[in-house]
Amino acid sequence: MSDHQTVNSLVFFDIETTGLVKPEITELSFCSIERSQFLNCQRGKLPRITNRLNLCIKPSKTIEPKSQFDEDVVNIIVSFLDRLKKPICLIAHNGLMFDFPILKAEFFRFTTVLVPEFSDEYLCVDSMFIFKILSQSPTSPDPKRVRLSFALKAVYQRIYGCDPEELHEAEADVKTLLLSAIAMPNEFMEAVDSNAKPFALIDKKW
């Protein structure tokens, strides 16, 4: 992002899908927090004031070949995001390769009008990339000597010295991601401001 907008709402986001081949969304979870609240977070403690949206299109434990992501779901997501203080930034782990292109593809299945409404005030950033940037700090292990994994579980383990409670359910993954981010709120926020880009520039896949 060239002009480095100041993000006012962070939206931690995760999806679960039917698989990697022509994936369709089965679960979505969004957890938004305003900038000032995020910067005042305490390490290891979930913030009290958040806005959340959890949608179970089909339960993850009984995923079937076809999901039921429809225009009503699109409208719910858009309405949720529209209520937040702008600019907003969607934050997903491995989001550039997975979550963002899939979400945009699902939007296009139902309308080509909604996506242009995501102006430059709707941003996104891949948290995997952010944690890689933060790993270069002087207190982090030397990347030349230690090969680090940036899978979400590995990031959380390095921060808290234990496994997250759950993984591979959308809401649980969002919780793990948020807890990892608030371990260094100022550094994380600065990296988001510097590296977020408009969601409109994301290419849809599948």
Protein backbone atom coordinates (compact mmCIF):
# COMPACT_ATOMS: atom_id res chain seq x y z
CA MET A 1 0.00 0.00 0.00
CA SER A 2 1.74 3.12 -1.21
CA ASP A 3 0.13 5.80 0.95
CA HIS A 4 0.20 3.79 4.20
CA GLN A 5 -3.31 4.52 5.42
CA THR A 6 -3.90 4.33 9.15
CA VAL A 7 -6.12 1.32 9.76
CA ASN A 8 -8.94 2.02 12.20
CA SER A 9 -10.51 -1.45 12.46
CA LEU A 10 -8.66 -4.76 12.40
CA VAL A 11 -10.79 -7.71 11.30
CA PHE A 12 -9.24 -11.07 12.13
CA PHE A 13 -10.72 -13.56 9.74
CA ASP A 14 -10.66 -17.27 8.90
CA ILE A 15 -12.56 -19.65 6.67
CA GLU A 16 -12.87 -23.41 6.49
CA THR A 17 -13.62 -25.04 3.17
CA THR A 18 -14.56 -28.33 1.52
CA GLY A 19 -10.93 -28.84 0.46
CA LEU A 20 -8.21 -27.43 -1.79
CA VAL A 21 -9.70 -28.45 -5.15
CA LYS A 22 -12.45 -26.00 -6.15
CA PRO A 23 -13.01 -25.16 -2.48
CA GLU A 24 -16.30 -23.87 -1.18
CA ILE A 25 -16.68 -22.14 2.16
CA THR A 26 -18.20 -24.13 5.02
CA GLU A 27 -17.37 -21.91 8.02
CA LEU A 28 -16.46 -18.24 8.42
CA SER A 29 -15.39 -16.28 11.45
CA PHE A 30 -14.71 -12.54 11.76
CA CYS A 31 -13.54 -10.74 14.89
CA SER A 32 -13.07 -6.98 14.63
CA ILE A 33 -11.38 -4.68 17.08
CA GLU A 34 -10.82 -0.93 16.84
CA ARG A 35 -7.27 0.37 16.66
CA SER A 36 -7.20 1.98 20.11
CA GLN A 37 -8.56 -1.16 21.76
CA PHE A 38 -6.01 -3.33 19.97
CA LEU A 39 -3.07 -1.15 21.00
CA ASN A 40 -4.17 -1.40 24.64
CA CYS A 41 -4.48 -5.19 24.62
CA GLN A 42 -2.64 -7.22 27.24
CA ARG A 43 -0.50 -10.15 26.14
CA GLY A 44 -2.41 -13.42 26.41
CA LYS A 45 -5.74 -11.79 27.27
CA LEU A 46 -8.53 -11.50 24.73
CA PRO A 47 -9.94 -7.96 24.47
CA ARG A 48 -13.33 -7.34 26.06
CA ILE A 49 -14.76 -5.16 23.28
CA THR A 50 -14.95 -6.81 19.88
CA ASN A 51 -17.49 -7.28 17.10
CA ARG A 52 -17.87 -10.87 15.96
CA LEU A 53 -19.55 -12.72 13.14
CA ASN A 54 -19.55 -16.51 12.97
CA LEU A 55 -21.32 -18.33 10.17
CA CYS A 56 -21.51 -22.10 9.96
CA ILE A 57 -22.55 -22.88 6.39
CA LYS A 58 -22.10 -26.56 7.11
CA PRO A 59 -20.54 -28.00 10.28
CA SER A 60 -16.81 -28.72 9.86
CA LYS A 61 -17.13 -32.22 11.28
CA THR A 62 -19.62 -33.30 8.60
CA ILE A 63 -18.38 -31.48 5.49
CA GLU A 64 -20.23 -32.56 2.36
CA PRO A 65 -19.31 -31.97 -1.31
CA LYS A 66 -21.48 -28.83 -1.65
CA SER A 67 -21.74 -25.92 0.76
CA GLN A 68 -24.60 -23.44 0.97
CA PHE A 69 -22.81 -20.12 0.66
CA ASP A 70 -25.42 -17.89 -0.94
CA GLU A 71 -26.29 -14.24 -1.53
CA ASP A 72 -27.80 -13.92 1.94
CA VAL A 73 -24.42 -14.84 3.43
CA VAL A 74 -22.70 -12.29 1.19
CA ASN A 75 -25.12 -9.57 2.36
CA ILE A 76 -24.52 -10.48 6.03
CA ILE A 77 -20.75 -10.20 5.60
CA VAL A 78 -20.96 -6.91 3.73
CA SER A 79 -23.35 -5.47 6.34
CA PHE A 80 -21.04 -6.54 9.16
CA LEU A 81 -18.00 -4.91 7.54
CA ASP A 82 -19.91 -1.76 6.59
CA ARG A 83 -20.67 -1.05 10.26
CA LEU A 84 -17.00 -0.89 11.23
CA LYS A 85 -14.90 2.25 11.50
CA LYS A 86 -12.98 2.79 8.25
CA PRO A 87 -10.45 2.06 6.95
CA ILE A 88 -10.75 -1.60 7.91
CA CYS A 89 -8.20 -4.33 7.33
CA LEU A 90 -9.03 -8.01 6.94
CA ILE A 91 -6.27 -10.11 8.51
CA ALA A 92 -5.97 -13.82 7.73
CA HIS A 93 -3.15 -16.32 8.11
CA ASN A 94 -1.99 -17.37 4.64
CA GLY A 95 -4.79 -15.08 3.49
CA LEU A 96 -3.19 -14.01 0.21
CA MET A 97 -2.92 -17.61 -0.98
CA PHE A 98 -6.18 -18.93 0.44
CA ASP A 99 -8.78 -16.95 2.41
CA PHE A 100 -8.91 -13.70 0.40
CA PRO A 101 -9.07 -15.22 -3.13
CA ILE A 102 -11.70 -17.75 -2.03
CA LEU A 103 -13.88 -15.11 -0.36
CA LYS A 104 -13.70 -12.93 -3.43
CA ALA A 105 -14.54 -15.87 -5.70
CA GLU A 106 -17.61 -16.66 -3.63
CA PHE A 107 -18.75 -13.04 -3.88
CA PHE A 108 -18.43 -13.21 -7.66
CA ARG A 109 -20.59 -16.32 -7.77
CA PHE A 110 -23.59 -14.21 -6.80
CA THR A 111 -22.87 -10.69 -7.96
CA THR A 112 -20.26 -8.64 -9.79
CA VAL A 113 -21.60 -5.43 -8.25
CA LEU A 114 -20.63 -5.98 -4.61
CA VAL A 115 -16.88 -6.29 -5.11
CA PRO A 116 -16.28 -2.79 -6.57
CA GLU A 117 -17.98 -1.42 -3.45
CA PHE A 118 -14.88 -2.52 -1.55
CA SER A 119 -13.05 0.78 -1.96
CA ASP A 120 -9.57 1.66 -0.76
CA GLU A 121 -11.05 1.79 2.73
CA TYR A 122 -11.35 -2.01 2.64
CA LEU A 123 -7.86 -3.40 3.04
CA CYS A 124 -6.30 -6.78 3.69
CA VAL A 125 -3.01 -8.21 4.87
CA ASP A 126 -1.59 -11.70 5.32
CA SER A 127 -0.65 -12.26 8.97
CA MET A 128 1.90 -14.89 7.96
CA PHE A 129 3.82 -12.13 6.19
CA ILE A 130 3.43 -9.83 9.21
CA PHE A 131 4.85 -12.42 11.60
CA LYS A 132 7.78 -12.97 9.24
CA ILE A 133 8.52 -9.25 9.41
CA LEU A 134 8.27 -9.25 13.20
CA SER A 135 10.62 -12.23 13.43
CA GLN A 136 13.42 -9.98 12.16
CA SER A 137 13.44 -7.95 15.38
CA PRO A 138 16.69 -7.98 17.42
CA THR A 139 15.13 -10.20 20.09
CA SER A 140 14.07 -12.88 17.59
CA PRO A 141 16.17 -15.94 16.68
CA ASP A 142 18.66 -15.34 13.86
CA PRO A 143 16.85 -16.58 10.71
CA LYS A 144 20.23 -17.56 9.23
CA ARG A 145 20.77 -20.04 12.07
CA VAL A 146 17.22 -21.08 12.91
CA ARG A 147 14.70 -22.09 10.25
CA LEU A 148 11.37 -20.88 11.57
CA SER A 149 7.94 -22.20 10.71
CA PHE A 150 5.24 -19.57 10.29
CA ALA A 151 2.27 -21.91 10.50
CA LEU A 152 -0.21 -20.39 12.93
CA LYS A 153 0.34 -23.11 15.53
CA ALA A 154 4.12 -22.62 15.39
CA VAL A 155 3.79 -18.83 15.75
CA TYR A 156 1.55 -19.25 18.80
CA GLN A 157 3.90 -21.84 20.34
CA ARG A 158 6.89 -19.50 20.04
CA ILE A 159 4.96 -16.69 21.72
CA TYR A 160 3.25 -18.56 24.56
CA GLY A 161 5.31 -21.75 24.92
CA CYS A 162 2.30 -24.04 24.55
CA ASP A 163 -0.20 -25.27 21.97
CA PRO A 164 -3.35 -23.26 21.22
CA GLU A 165 -6.56 -24.71 22.59
CA GLU A 166 -7.94 -25.71 19.21
CA LEU A 167 -7.16 -25.35 15.52
CA HIS A 168 -8.86 -25.96 12.19
CA GLU A 169 -12.21 -24.54 13.16
CA ALA A 170 -12.73 -20.99 11.92
CA GLU A 171 -13.62 -19.36 15.25
CA ALA A 172 -10.80 -21.15 17.11
CA ASP A 173 -8.25 -20.15 14.46
CA VAL A 174 -9.34 -16.50 14.70
CA LYS A 175 -8.90 -16.60 18.49
CA THR A 176 -5.41 -18.08 18.09
CA LEU A 177 -4.48 -15.46 15.49
CA LEU A 178 -5.74 -12.57 17.63
CA LEU A 179 -3.87 -13.83 20.71
CA SER A 180 -0.69 -14.10 18.65
CA ALA A 181 -1.11 -10.56 17.30
CA ILE A 182 -1.68 -8.91 20.68
CA ALA A 183 1.61 -10.27 22.01
CA MET A 184 3.25 -7.29 20.26
CA PRO A 185 0.37 -4.91 19.51
CA ASN A 186 2.38 -1.81 18.56
CA GLU A 187 4.77 -3.66 16.26
CA PHE A 188 1.92 -5.67 14.71
CA MET A 189 -0.15 -2.53 14.12
CA GLU A 190 2.76 -0.70 12.49
CA ALA A 191 3.41 -3.62 10.15
CA VAL A 192 -0.28 -3.78 9.20
CA ASP A 193 -0.38 -0.06 8.39
CA SER A 194 2.72 -0.39 6.21
CA ASN A 195 1.77 -3.54 4.31
CA ALA A 196 -2.03 -3.64 3.92
CA LYS A 197 -3.40 -3.35 0.40
CA PRO A 198 -6.89 -2.80 -1.03
CA PHE A 199 -9.06 -5.91 -1.05
CA ALA A 200 -10.18 -4.83 -4.52
CA LEU A 201 -6.72 -5.78 -5.83
CA ILE A 202 -7.05 -9.41 -4.73
CA ASP A 203 -7.50 -11.82 -7.63
CA LYS A 204 -10.26 -14.36 -7.20
CA LYS A 205 -9.39 -18.02 -7.63
CA TRP A 206 -11.33 -21.10 -8.55
